Amino acid sequence: MEFKRLTDTITIPAIGFGTWTIGGGDVADTTYDSEDVSAIQNAIKLGITNIDTAEAYAEGHAEELVGRAIGGFERKNLFITTKVSPEHLRYDDLLASAKGSLGRLKTDYIDLYLIHAPNPDIPIQETMKAMDCLVEQKLVKCIGVSNFSVEQIKETQKHTKNKIRANQIEYNLLVRDKGRVTENMESEIIPYCQKNDILIIAWRPLAKGELAKPGFKILDELTKKYNKTQSQIAINWLISKEGIVTITKSTKVEHLKENLGAIGWKLQQEDVDRLNNSFGALS
């Protein structure tokens, strides 16, 4: 596994395991619990020790399944990220959400705790006071945001004693302009985060599978040049960038192994440029 620096003393694996739809989608579904727990455990055994979840996923059931899955592993060897929902950003609500997540995850601390999305109806000062409290109590090691614009990050940073360490955004070869925020990612959000030592966590790296199959001429050509799959090239393009890691969602062992094939090598700069140009890089 490759790692990226989150703080002076903490690193994060470059590829993580996403748990959206684990345990259900918007609502909990216990039908495939055993398979879901096995999928998480298989990922960890293969070396994908970065697990990303959220209290909103399957109404908290995804966190419960993560908690079940990690029980047999050394906690210090895992990196667990979870997120507080935007409707829970008031001080008492946020503290309750964090403690709920800790209970479901069956862990004493969260490595990275993110605000899942901005909520303009709740003062960010109140939110960050609660986040600071969690860090002070050592229930959370690092804090961050998700789907935040540059201005929202700047405003958030004003109201916390702790550094914003990460911004989780949708980003891939096909989504490089406006994602769920109003600014351009490649000309505004990503450069700002890179300049200010804020890790980018790219979700949906394969664009719901569009980048994992034949059909894009440049990707198909590069699969032959590097003897890699379309998925491996698309993921490598992401994690080769400064200060960017990614989270993938797959429960099949063969796909997990394929994702891991994106590390340990690098695209040549000429091919990075070709990908940028072929998929419409913005200046």
Foldseek 3Di string as FASTA:
>chain_A
DDWADLDPPDIADQEAAEQACPQHHQAGDCPCLVLSLVLLLLLVVVPRQEYEEECRRNVNVSLLSLLVNCVVDDPVSHAYEYEYEQVQQAQVSVLVRLVSSCVSNVHQAHAEYEHEAHDPVDDLLRNQVNVQVCCVVRRYVAYAYELDFPVRLVNNCVRHPGHHREYEYADWLQQQQDGSHDGGCPPGVVVVCLVVNHAYEHEPHCVVVVQQDDDQVLLVVVCVVVVAGSLLVRQLLQSVDHRYGYYYYDSDSVVSVNNVSNPDDHDDPVSSVVSCVSSPPDD
